[in-house]
All heavy atoms as atom14 arrays in JSON, in Angstrom:
{
  "sequence": "YGFNRLTVHESMTFRRPAYRRFVRLVGDILAEYYTNYTANPLGV",
  "atom14_mask": [
    [1, 1, 1, 1, 1, 1, 1, 1, 1, 1, 1, 1, 0, 0],
    [1, 1, 1, 1, 0, 0, 0, 0, 0, 0, 0, 0, 0, 0],
    [1, 1, 1, 1, 1, 1, 1, 1, 1, 1, 1, 0, 0, 0],
    [1, 1, 1, 1, 1, 1, 1, 1, 0, 0, 0, 0, 0, 0],
    [1, 1, 1, 1, 1, 1, 1, 1, 1, 1, 1, 0, 0, 0],
    [1, 1, 1, 1, 1, 1, 1, 1, 0, 0, 0, 0, 0, 0],
    [1, 1, 1, 1, 1, 1, 1, 0, 0, 0, 0, 0, 0, 0],
    [1, 1, 1, 1, 1, 1, 1, 0, 0, 0, 0, 0, 0, 0],
    [1, 1, 1, 1, 1, 1, 1, 1, 1, 1, 0, 0, 0, 0],
    [1, 1, 1, 1, 1, 1, 1, 1, 1, 0, 0, 0, 0, 0],
    [1, 1, 1, 1, 1, 1, 0, 0, 0, 0, 0, 0, 0, 0],
    [1, 1, 1, 1, 1, 1, 1, 1, 0, 0, 0, 0, 0, 0],
    [1, 1, 1, 1, 1, 1, 1, 0, 0, 0, 0, 0, 0, 0],
    [1, 1, 1, 1, 1, 1, 1, 1, 1, 1, 1, 0, 0, 0],
    [1, 1, 1, 1, 1, 1, 1, 1, 1, 1, 1, 0, 0, 0],
    [1, 1, 1, 1, 1, 1, 1, 1, 1, 1, 1, 0, 0, 0],
    [1, 1, 1, 1, 1, 1, 1, 0, 0, 0, 0, 0, 0, 0],
    [1, 1, 1, 1, 1, 0, 0, 0, 0, 0, 0, 0, 0, 0],
    [1, 1, 1, 1, 1, 1, 1, 1, 1, 1, 1, 1, 0, 0],
    [1, 1, 1, 1, 1, 1, 1, 1, 1, 1, 1, 0, 0, 0],
    [1, 1, 1, 1, 1, 1, 1, 1, 1, 1, 1, 0, 0, 0],
    [1, 1, 1, 1, 1, 1, 1, 1, 1, 1, 1, 0, 0, 0],
    [1, 1, 1, 1, 1, 1, 1, 0, 0, 0, 0, 0, 0, 0],
    [1, 1, 1, 1, 1, 1, 1, 1, 1, 1, 1, 0, 0, 0],
    [1, 1, 1, 1, 1, 1, 1, 1, 0, 0, 0, 0, 0, 0],
    [1, 1, 1, 1, 1, 1, 1, 0, 0, 0, 0, 0, 0, 0],
    [1, 1, 1, 1, 0, 0, 0, 0, 0, 0, 0, 0, 0, 0],
    [1, 1, 1, 1, 1, 1, 1, 1, 0, 0, 0, 0, 0, 0],
    [1, 1, 1, 1, 1, 1, 1, 1, 0, 0, 0, 0, 0, 0],
    [1, 1, 1, 1, 1, 1, 1, 1, 0, 0, 0, 0, 0, 0],
    [1, 1, 1, 1, 1, 0, 0, 0, 0, 0, 0, 0, 0, 0],
    [1, 1, 1, 1, 1, 1, 1, 1, 1, 0, 0, 0, 0, 0],
    [1, 1, 1, 1, 1, 1, 1, 1, 1, 1, 1, 1, 0, 0],
    [1, 1, 1, 1, 1, 1, 1, 1, 1, 1, 1, 1, 0, 0],
    [1, 1, 1, 1, 1, 1, 1, 0, 0, 0, 0, 0, 0, 0],
    [1, 1, 1, 1, 1, 1, 1, 1, 0, 0, 0, 0, 0, 0],
    [1, 1, 1, 1, 1, 1, 1, 1, 1, 1, 1, 1, 0, 0],
    [1, 1, 1, 1, 1, 1, 1, 0, 0, 0, 0, 0, 0, 0],
    [1, 1, 1, 1, 1, 0, 0, 0, 0, 0, 0, 0, 0, 0],
    [1, 1, 1, 1, 1, 1, 1, 1, 0, 0, 0, 0, 0, 0],
    [1, 1, 1, 1, 1, 1, 1, 0, 0, 0, 0, 0, 0, 0],
    [1, 1, 1, 1, 1, 1, 1, 1, 0, 0, 0, 0, 0, 0],
    [1, 1, 1, 1, 0, 0, 0, 0, 0, 0, 0, 0, 0, 0],
    [1, 1, 1, 1, 1, 1, 1, 0, 0, 0, 0, 0, 0, 0]
  ],
  "atom14_positions": [
    [[-72.4, 44.96, -12.35], [-72.51, 45.41, -13.74], [-71.2, 45.14, -14.47], [-70.11, 45.27, -13.88], [-72.83, 46.91, -13.8], [-74.25, 47.22, -13.36], [-74.54, 47.47, -12.03], [-75.29, 47.23, -14.28], [-75.84, 47.75, -11.62], [-76.6, 47.5, -13.88], [-76.86, 47.76, -12.56], [-78.15, 48.01, -12.16], [0.0, 0.0, 0.0], [0.0, 0.0, 0.0]],
    [[-71.31, 44.8, -15.73], [-70.15, 44.58, -16.58], [-69.99, 45.71, -17.59], [-70.97, 46.12, -18.21], [0.0, 0.0, 0.0], [0.0, 0.0, 0.0], [0.0, 0.0, 0.0], [0.0, 0.0, 0.0], [0.0, 0.0, 0.0], [0.0, 0.0, 0.0], [0.0, 0.0, 0.0], [0.0, 0.0, 0.0], [0.0, 0.0, 0.0], [0.0, 0.0, 0.0]],
    [[-68.77, 46.2, -17.73], [-68.41, 47.23, -18.7], [-67.34, 46.66, -19.63], [-66.68, 45.66, -19.33], [-67.8, 48.46, -18.03], [-68.76, 49.4, -17.34], [-70.07, 49.05, -17.07], [-68.32, 50.65, -16.95], [-70.94, 49.92, -16.43], [-69.15, 51.54, -16.31], [-70.47, 51.18, -16.05], [0.0, 0.0, 0.0], [0.0, 0.0, 0.0], [0.0, 0.0, 0.0]],
    [[-67.12, 47.36, -20.76], [-65.89, 47.17, -21.52], [-65.06, 48.45, -21.41], [-65.46, 49.4, -20.75], [-66.17, 46.76, -22.97], [-66.93, 47.82, -23.75], [-66.77, 49.02, -23.54], [-67.75, 47.38, -24.69], [0.0, 0.0, 0.0], [0.0, 0.0, 0.0], [0.0, 0.0, 0.0], [0.0, 0.0, 0.0], [0.0, 0.0, 0.0], [0.0, 0.0, 0.0]],
    [[-63.9, 48.48, -22.06], [-63.03, 49.65, -21.96], [-63.62, 50.88, -22.62], [-63.1, 51.99, -22.45], [-61.68, 49.34, -22.61], [-60.75, 48.53, -21.74], [-59.63, 47.92, -22.56], [-60.02, 46.63, -23.1], [-59.43, 46.07, -24.15], [-58.44, 46.67, -24.76], [-59.83, 44.89, -24.57], [0.0, 0.0, 0.0], [0.0, 0.0, 0.0], [0.0, 0.0, 0.0]],
    [[-64.68, 50.71, -23.37], [-65.3, 51.83, -24.08], [-66.72, 52.1, -23.59], [-67.52, 52.69, -24.31], [-65.3, 51.55, -25.58], [-63.91, 51.59, -26.23], [-63.98, 51.11, -27.68], [-63.34, 53.0, -26.18], [0.0, 0.0, 0.0], [0.0, 0.0, 0.0], [0.0, 0.0, 0.0], [0.0, 0.0, 0.0], [0.0, 0.0, 0.0], [0.0, 0.0, 0.0]],
    [[-67.03, 51.7, -22.37], [-68.34, 52.02, -21.8], [-68.33, 53.46, -21.32], [-67.59, 53.82, -20.39], [-68.68, 51.08, -20.65], [-68.74, 49.73, -21.13], [-70.04, 51.45, -20.05], [0.0, 0.0, 0.0], [0.0, 0.0, 0.0], [0.0, 0.0, 0.0], [0.0, 0.0, 0.0], [0.0, 0.0, 0.0], [0.0, 0.0, 0.0], [0.0, 0.0, 0.0]],
    [[-69.13, 54.3, -21.96], [-69.23, 55.7, -21.57], [-70.09, 55.79, -20.3], [-71.21, 55.28, -20.26], [-69.87, 56.53, -22.71], [-70.04, 57.99, -22.27], [-69.0, 56.45, -23.97], [0.0, 0.0, 0.0], [0.0, 0.0, 0.0], [0.0, 0.0, 0.0], [0.0, 0.0, 0.0], [0.0, 0.0, 0.0], [0.0, 0.0, 0.0], [0.0, 0.0, 0.0]],
    [[-69.55, 56.44, -19.28], [-70.27, 56.55, -18.02], [-69.82, 57.8, -17.28], [-68.85, 58.47, -17.68], [-70.05, 55.3, -17.15], [-68.62, 55.04, -16.79], [-67.68, 54.61, -17.71], [-67.96, 55.13, -15.6], [-66.52, 54.46, -17.11], [-66.66, 54.77, -15.82], [0.0, 0.0, 0.0], [0.0, 0.0, 0.0], [0.0, 0.0, 0.0], [0.0, 0.0, 0.0]],
    [[-70.52, 58.13, -16.2], [-70.15, 59.27, -15.38], [-70.65, 59.06, -13.96], [-71.68, 58.41, -13.73], [-70.72, 60.58, -15.94], [-72.23, 60.68, -15.92], [-72.73, 62.01, -16.44], [-71.9, 62.9, -16.7], [-73.96, 62.17, -16.59], [0.0, 0.0, 0.0], [0.0, 0.0, 0.0], [0.0, 0.0, 0.0], [0.0, 0.0, 0.0], [0.0, 0.0, 0.0]],
    [[-69.9, 59.59, -13.0], [-70.34, 59.58, -11.61], [-71.36, 60.69, -11.41], [-71.28, 61.76, -12.03], [-69.16, 59.79, -10.67], [-68.3, 58.68, -10.72], [0.0, 0.0, 0.0], [0.0, 0.0, 0.0], [0.0, 0.0, 0.0], [0.0, 0.0, 0.0], [0.0, 0.0, 0.0], [0.0, 0.0, 0.0], [0.0, 0.0, 0.0], [0.0, 0.0, 0.0]],
    [[-72.32, 60.44, -10.54], [-73.41, 61.37, -10.29], [-73.15, 62.15, -8.99], [-72.55, 61.64, -8.05], [-74.73, 60.6, -10.2], [-75.05, 59.84, -11.48], [-76.3, 58.53, -11.3], [-77.75, 59.5, -10.93], [0.0, 0.0, 0.0], [0.0, 0.0, 0.0], [0.0, 0.0, 0.0], [0.0, 0.0, 0.0], [0.0, 0.0, 0.0], [0.0, 0.0, 0.0]],
    [[-73.6, 63.39, -8.97], [-73.42, 64.26, -7.81], [-74.43, 63.9, -6.72], [-75.6, 63.66, -7.0], [-73.59, 65.73, -8.23], [-72.62, 66.04, -9.24], [-73.39, 66.67, -7.05], [0.0, 0.0, 0.0], [0.0, 0.0, 0.0], [0.0, 0.0, 0.0], [0.0, 0.0, 0.0], [0.0, 0.0, 0.0], [0.0, 0.0, 0.0], [0.0, 0.0, 0.0]],
    [[-73.96, 63.89, -5.48], [-74.82, 63.6, -4.34], [-75.48, 64.89, -3.82], [-74.8, 65.9, -3.64], [-74.01, 62.96, -3.21], [-73.75, 61.49, -3.39], [-73.15, 61.01, -4.55], [-74.14, 60.59, -2.42], [-72.92, 59.66, -4.73], [-73.92, 59.22, -2.59], [-73.32, 58.76, -3.74], [0.0, 0.0, 0.0], [0.0, 0.0, 0.0], [0.0, 0.0, 0.0]],
    [[-76.78, 64.83, -3.61], [-77.47, 66.0, -3.07], [-77.22, 66.18, -1.58], [-77.24, 67.29, -1.06], [-78.98, 65.86, -3.32], [-79.36, 65.89, -4.8], [-80.85, 65.77, -4.97], [-81.22, 65.82, -6.38], [-82.47, 65.71, -6.82], [-83.47, 65.54, -5.95], [-82.73, 65.75, -8.12], [0.0, 0.0, 0.0], [0.0, 0.0, 0.0], [0.0, 0.0, 0.0]],
    [[-77.04, 65.05, -0.88], [-76.78, 65.08, 0.56], [-75.56, 64.2, 0.86], [-75.27, 63.27, 0.11], [-78.0, 64.56, 1.33], [-79.21, 65.45, 1.23], [-80.38, 64.89, 2.03], [-80.88, 63.65, 1.44], [-81.77, 63.61, 0.44], [-82.23, 64.72, -0.08], [-82.18, 62.45, -0.03], [0.0, 0.0, 0.0], [0.0, 0.0, 0.0], [0.0, 0.0, 0.0]],
    [[-74.87, 64.45, 1.96], [-73.76, 63.58, 2.32], [-74.22, 62.13, 2.46], [-75.31, 61.87, 2.99], [-73.27, 64.14, 3.66], [-73.78, 65.55, 3.7], [-75.07, 65.53, 2.95], [0.0, 0.0, 0.0], [0.0, 0.0, 0.0], [0.0, 0.0, 0.0], [0.0, 0.0, 0.0], [0.0, 0.0, 0.0], [0.0, 0.0, 0.0], [0.0, 0.0, 0.0]],
    [[-73.42, 61.2, 2.0], [-73.78, 59.78, 2.1], [-72.51, 58.94, 2.07], [-71.54, 59.27, 1.37], [-74.7, 59.38, 0.95], [0.0, 0.0, 0.0], [0.0, 0.0, 0.0], [0.0, 0.0, 0.0], [0.0, 0.0, 0.0], [0.0, 0.0, 0.0], [0.0, 0.0, 0.0], [0.0, 0.0, 0.0], [0.0, 0.0, 0.0], [0.0, 0.0, 0.0]],
    [[-72.53, 57.87, 2.82], [-71.43, 56.91, 2.81], [-71.7, 55.92, 1.67], [-72.78, 55.34, 1.59], [-71.37, 56.17, 4.15], [-70.12, 55.35, 4.34], [-68.96, 55.91, 4.88], [-70.09, 54.0, 4.0], [-67.81, 55.15, 5.07], [-68.94, 53.23, 4.18], [-67.82, 53.82, 4.72], [-66.69, 53.07, 4.9], [0.0, 0.0, 0.0], [0.0, 0.0, 0.0]],
    [[-70.72, 55.74, 0.8], [-70.91, 54.87, -0.36], [-69.74, 53.91, -0.48], [-68.59, 54.27, -0.22], [-71.04, 55.69, -1.65], [-71.33, 54.86, -2.91], [-71.64, 55.79, -4.09], [-72.04, 55.07, -5.29], [-71.24, 54.81, -6.32], [-69.96, 55.2, -6.3], [-71.69, 54.17, -7.38], [0.0, 0.0, 0.0], [0.0, 0.0, 0.0], [0.0, 0.0, 0.0]],
    [[-70.04, 52.69, -0.89], [-69.03, 51.67, -1.12], [-69.05, 51.28, -2.6], [-70.11, 51.09, -3.18], [-69.29, 50.44, -0.24], [-69.11, 50.74, 1.22], [-69.24, 49.51, 2.09], [-70.62, 49.02, 2.13], [-70.98, 47.86, 2.68], [-70.07, 47.07, 3.19], [-72.24, 47.51, 2.72], [0.0, 0.0, 0.0], [0.0, 0.0, 0.0], [0.0, 0.0, 0.0]],
    [[-67.87, 51.17, -3.15], [-67.7, 50.85, -4.57], [-66.61, 49.79, -4.69], [-65.56, 49.88, -4.02], [-67.29, 52.11, -5.34], [-66.82, 51.87, -6.75], [-67.72, 51.77, -7.8], [-65.46, 51.76, -7.04], [-67.28, 51.57, -9.1], [-65.02, 51.56, -8.33], [-65.94, 51.46, -9.37], [0.0, 0.0, 0.0], [0.0, 0.0, 0.0], [0.0, 0.0, 0.0]],
    [[-66.83, 48.78, -5.53], [-65.81, 47.76, -5.78], [-65.75, 47.51, -7.28], [-66.78, 47.52, -7.96], [-66.12, 46.46, -5.0], [-67.46, 45.87, -5.39], [-65.0, 45.44, -5.2], [0.0, 0.0, 0.0], [0.0, 0.0, 0.0], [0.0, 0.0, 0.0], [0.0, 0.0, 0.0], [0.0, 0.0, 0.0], [0.0, 0.0, 0.0], [0.0, 0.0, 0.0]],
    [[-64.54, 47.28, -7.77], [-64.36, 47.02, -9.21], [-63.24, 46.02, -9.4], [-62.21, 46.08, -8.72], [-64.01, 48.33, -9.94], [-63.8, 48.16, -11.45], [-63.38, 49.46, -12.1], [-62.07, 49.87, -11.62], [-61.6, 51.12, -11.68], [-62.34, 52.09, -12.19], [-60.39, 51.4, -11.23], [0.0, 0.0, 0.0], [0.0, 0.0, 0.0], [0.0, 0.0, 0.0]],
    [[-63.44, 45.09, -10.32], [-62.41, 44.14, -10.71], [-62.18, 44.28, -12.22], [-63.13, 44.21, -13.01], [-62.85, 42.71, -10.37], [-61.84, 41.59, -10.68], [-60.56, 41.78, -9.88], [-62.46, 40.23, -10.38], [0.0, 0.0, 0.0], [0.0, 0.0, 0.0], [0.0, 0.0, 0.0], [0.0, 0.0, 0.0], [0.0, 0.0, 0.0], [0.0, 0.0, 0.0]],
    [[-60.93, 44.49, -12.57], [-60.53, 44.72, -13.97], [-59.66, 43.56, -14.42], [-58.77, 43.12, -13.7], [-59.74, 46.05, -14.1], [-59.3, 46.28, -15.54], [-60.58, 47.21, -13.59], [0.0, 0.0, 0.0], [0.0, 0.0, 0.0], [0.0, 0.0, 0.0], [0.0, 0.0, 0.0], [0.0, 0.0, 0.0], [0.0, 0.0, 0.0], [0.0, 0.0, 0.0]],
    [[-59.91, 43.04, -15.62], [-59.1, 41.95, -16.15], [-57.73, 42.4, -16.61], [-57.33, 43.56, -16.44], [0.0, 0.0, 0.0], [0.0, 0.0, 0.0], [0.0, 0.0, 0.0], [0.0, 0.0, 0.0], [0.0, 0.0, 0.0], [0.0, 0.0, 0.0], [0.0, 0.0, 0.0], [0.0, 0.0, 0.0], [0.0, 0.0, 0.0], [0.0, 0.0, 0.0]],
    [[-57.01, 41.5, -17.25], [-55.64, 41.75, -17.69], [-55.65, 42.53, -19.0], [-55.34, 42.01, -20.07], [-54.91, 40.42, -17.86], [-53.43, 40.59, -18.19], [-52.93, 41.73, -18.11], [-52.8, 39.59, -18.55], [0.0, 0.0, 0.0], [0.0, 0.0, 0.0], [0.0, 0.0, 0.0], [0.0, 0.0, 0.0], [0.0, 0.0, 0.0], [0.0, 0.0, 0.0]],
    [[-56.05, 43.81, -18.89], [-56.21, 44.64, -20.09], [-55.34, 45.9, -20.06], [-55.41, 46.72, -20.97], [-57.68, 45.07, -20.28], [-58.17, 45.91, -19.1], [-58.58, 43.85, -20.49], [-59.56, 46.52, -19.3], [0.0, 0.0, 0.0], [0.0, 0.0, 0.0], [0.0, 0.0, 0.0], [0.0, 0.0, 0.0], [0.0, 0.0, 0.0], [0.0, 0.0, 0.0]],
    [[-54.52, 46.05, -19.02], [-53.74, 47.28, -18.89], [-52.46, 47.23, -19.71], [-51.77, 46.22, -19.72], [-53.37, 47.53, -17.43], [-54.48, 47.64, -16.4], [-53.9, 48.12, -15.09], [-55.58, 48.56, -16.86], [0.0, 0.0, 0.0], [0.0, 0.0, 0.0], [0.0, 0.0, 0.0], [0.0, 0.0, 0.0], [0.0, 0.0, 0.0], [0.0, 0.0, 0.0]],
    [[-52.16, 48.33, -20.37], [-50.85, 48.46, -21.01], [-49.87, 49.16, -20.08], [-48.66, 48.99, -20.21], [-50.98, 49.24, -22.31], [0.0, 0.0, 0.0], [0.0, 0.0, 0.0], [0.0, 0.0, 0.0], [0.0, 0.0, 0.0], [0.0, 0.0, 0.0], [0.0, 0.0, 0.0], [0.0, 0.0, 0.0], [0.0, 0.0, 0.0], [0.0, 0.0, 0.0]],
    [[-50.41, 49.94, -19.11], [-49.56, 50.66, -18.16], [-50.1, 50.48, -16.76], [-51.32, 50.47, -16.54], [-49.51, 52.16, -18.49], [-48.84, 52.48, -19.81], [-48.84, 53.96, -20.1], [-49.76, 54.67, -19.66], [-47.9, 54.42, -20.78], [0.0, 0.0, 0.0], [0.0, 0.0, 0.0], [0.0, 0.0, 0.0], [0.0, 0.0, 0.0], [0.0, 0.0, 0.0]],
    [[-49.2, 50.34, -15.8], [-49.56, 50.24, -14.39], [-48.8, 51.33, -13.64], [-47.57, 51.42, -13.74], [-49.21, 48.87, -13.82], [-49.71, 48.66, -12.41], [-51.0, 48.22, -12.16], [-48.88, 48.95, -11.32], [-51.47, 48.06, -10.87], [-49.35, 48.79, -10.03], [-50.64, 48.34, -9.8], [-51.1, 48.18, -8.52], [0.0, 0.0, 0.0], [0.0, 0.0, 0.0]],
    [[-49.53, 52.14, -12.88], [-48.92, 53.31, -12.24], [-48.39, 52.99, -10.84], [-48.99, 52.21, -10.1], [-49.93, 54.46, -12.18], [-50.27, 54.97, -13.56], [-51.38, 54.51, -14.24], [-49.45, 55.91, -14.18], [-51.68, 54.96, -15.52], [-49.73, 56.37, -15.46], [-50.85, 55.89, -16.12], [-51.13, 56.34, -17.38], [0.0, 0.0, 0.0], [0.0, 0.0, 0.0]],
    [[-47.29, 53.61, -10.5], [-46.6, 53.29, -9.26], [-47.35, 53.74, -8.02], [-47.04, 53.29, -6.91], [-45.19, 53.9, -9.25], [-45.28, 55.32, -9.51], [-44.31, 53.26, -10.3], [0.0, 0.0, 0.0], [0.0, 0.0, 0.0], [0.0, 0.0, 0.0], [0.0, 0.0, 0.0], [0.0, 0.0, 0.0], [0.0, 0.0, 0.0], [0.0, 0.0, 0.0]],
    [[-48.33, 54.65, -8.15], [-49.11, 55.05, -6.98], [-50.42, 54.27, -6.86], [-51.29, 54.63, -6.06], [-49.37, 56.56, -6.96], [-49.91, 57.11, -8.26], [-49.88, 56.45, -9.3], [-50.41, 58.32, -8.22], [0.0, 0.0, 0.0], [0.0, 0.0, 0.0], [0.0, 0.0, 0.0], [0.0, 0.0, 0.0], [0.0, 0.0, 0.0], [0.0, 0.0, 0.0]],
    [[-50.57, 53.19, -7.63], [-51.63, 52.24, -7.35], [-51.24, 51.42, -6.11], [-50.09, 51.44, -5.67], [-51.85, 51.31, -8.54], [-52.57, 51.91, -9.73], [-52.41, 51.35, -11.01], [-53.4, 53.02, -9.6], [-53.08, 51.89, -12.11], [-54.06, 53.56, -10.7], [-53.9, 52.99, -11.95], [-54.55, 53.51, -13.04], [0.0, 0.0, 0.0], [0.0, 0.0, 0.0]],
    [[-52.19, 50.67, -5.57], [-51.95, 49.92, -4.33], [-51.18, 48.64, -4.61], [-51.64, 47.8, -5.4], [-53.3, 49.57, -3.66], [-54.06, 50.78, -3.46], [-53.07, 48.88, -2.32], [0.0, 0.0, 0.0], [0.0, 0.0, 0.0], [0.0, 0.0, 0.0], [0.0, 0.0, 0.0], [0.0, 0.0, 0.0], [0.0, 0.0, 0.0], [0.0, 0.0, 0.0]],
    [[-50.04, 48.48, -3.97], [-49.27, 47.24, -4.1], [-49.94, 46.14, -3.3], [-50.58, 46.39, -2.28], [-47.85, 47.47, -3.6], [0.0, 0.0, 0.0], [0.0, 0.0, 0.0], [0.0, 0.0, 0.0], [0.0, 0.0, 0.0], [0.0, 0.0, 0.0], [0.0, 0.0, 0.0], [0.0, 0.0, 0.0], [0.0, 0.0, 0.0], [0.0, 0.0, 0.0]],
    [[-49.79, 44.91, -3.76], [-50.31, 43.76, -3.03], [-49.22, 43.27, -2.07], [-48.15, 42.85, -2.52], [-50.71, 42.65, -4.0], [-51.45, 41.51, -3.32], [-51.14, 41.13, -2.2], [-52.43, 40.95, -4.02], [0.0, 0.0, 0.0], [0.0, 0.0, 0.0], [0.0, 0.0, 0.0], [0.0, 0.0, 0.0], [0.0, 0.0, 0.0], [0.0, 0.0, 0.0]],
    [[-49.46, 43.32, -0.76], [-48.41, 42.92, 0.18], [-48.04, 41.44, 0.11], [-47.0, 41.04, 0.66], [-49.01, 43.27, 1.55], [-50.48, 43.3, 1.33], [-50.67, 43.78, -0.07], [0.0, 0.0, 0.0], [0.0, 0.0, 0.0], [0.0, 0.0, 0.0], [0.0, 0.0, 0.0], [0.0, 0.0, 0.0], [0.0, 0.0, 0.0], [0.0, 0.0, 0.0]],
    [[-48.86, 40.63, -0.6], [-48.52, 39.21, -0.77], [-47.57, 39.0, -1.95], [-47.17, 37.87, -2.22], [-49.79, 38.39, -0.97], [-50.78, 38.38, 0.19], [-51.99, 37.52, -0.15], [-50.11, 37.88, 1.46], [0.0, 0.0, 0.0], [0.0, 0.0, 0.0], [0.0, 0.0, 0.0], [0.0, 0.0, 0.0], [0.0, 0.0, 0.0], [0.0, 0.0, 0.0]],
    [[-47.22, 40.07, -2.63], [-46.25, 39.97, -3.71], [-46.84, 39.72, -5.08], [-46.07, 39.51, -6.04], [0.0, 0.0, 0.0], [0.0, 0.0, 0.0], [0.0, 0.0, 0.0], [0.0, 0.0, 0.0], [0.0, 0.0, 0.0], [0.0, 0.0, 0.0], [0.0, 0.0, 0.0], [0.0, 0.0, 0.0], [0.0, 0.0, 0.0], [0.0, 0.0, 0.0]],
    [[-48.16, 39.73, -5.23], [-48.75, 39.59, -6.57], [-48.42, 40.85, -7.37], [-48.69, 41.96, -6.92], [-50.28, 39.39, -6.49], [-50.87, 39.23, -7.89], [-50.63, 38.18, -5.62], [0.0, 0.0, 0.0], [0.0, 0.0, 0.0], [0.0, 0.0, 0.0], [0.0, 0.0, 0.0], [0.0, 0.0, 0.0], [0.0, 0.0, 0.0], [0.0, 0.0, 0.0]]
  ]
}
């Protein structure tokens, strides 16, 4: 699915325990990058 920065959305509550996988790729749209995000060990 494709979103923009203004796509209104919400995560849904699980009724039962479940293993879930989520992946997201964001383009070059950030004005701020936080130091507790994951560093790329290849130096990117």
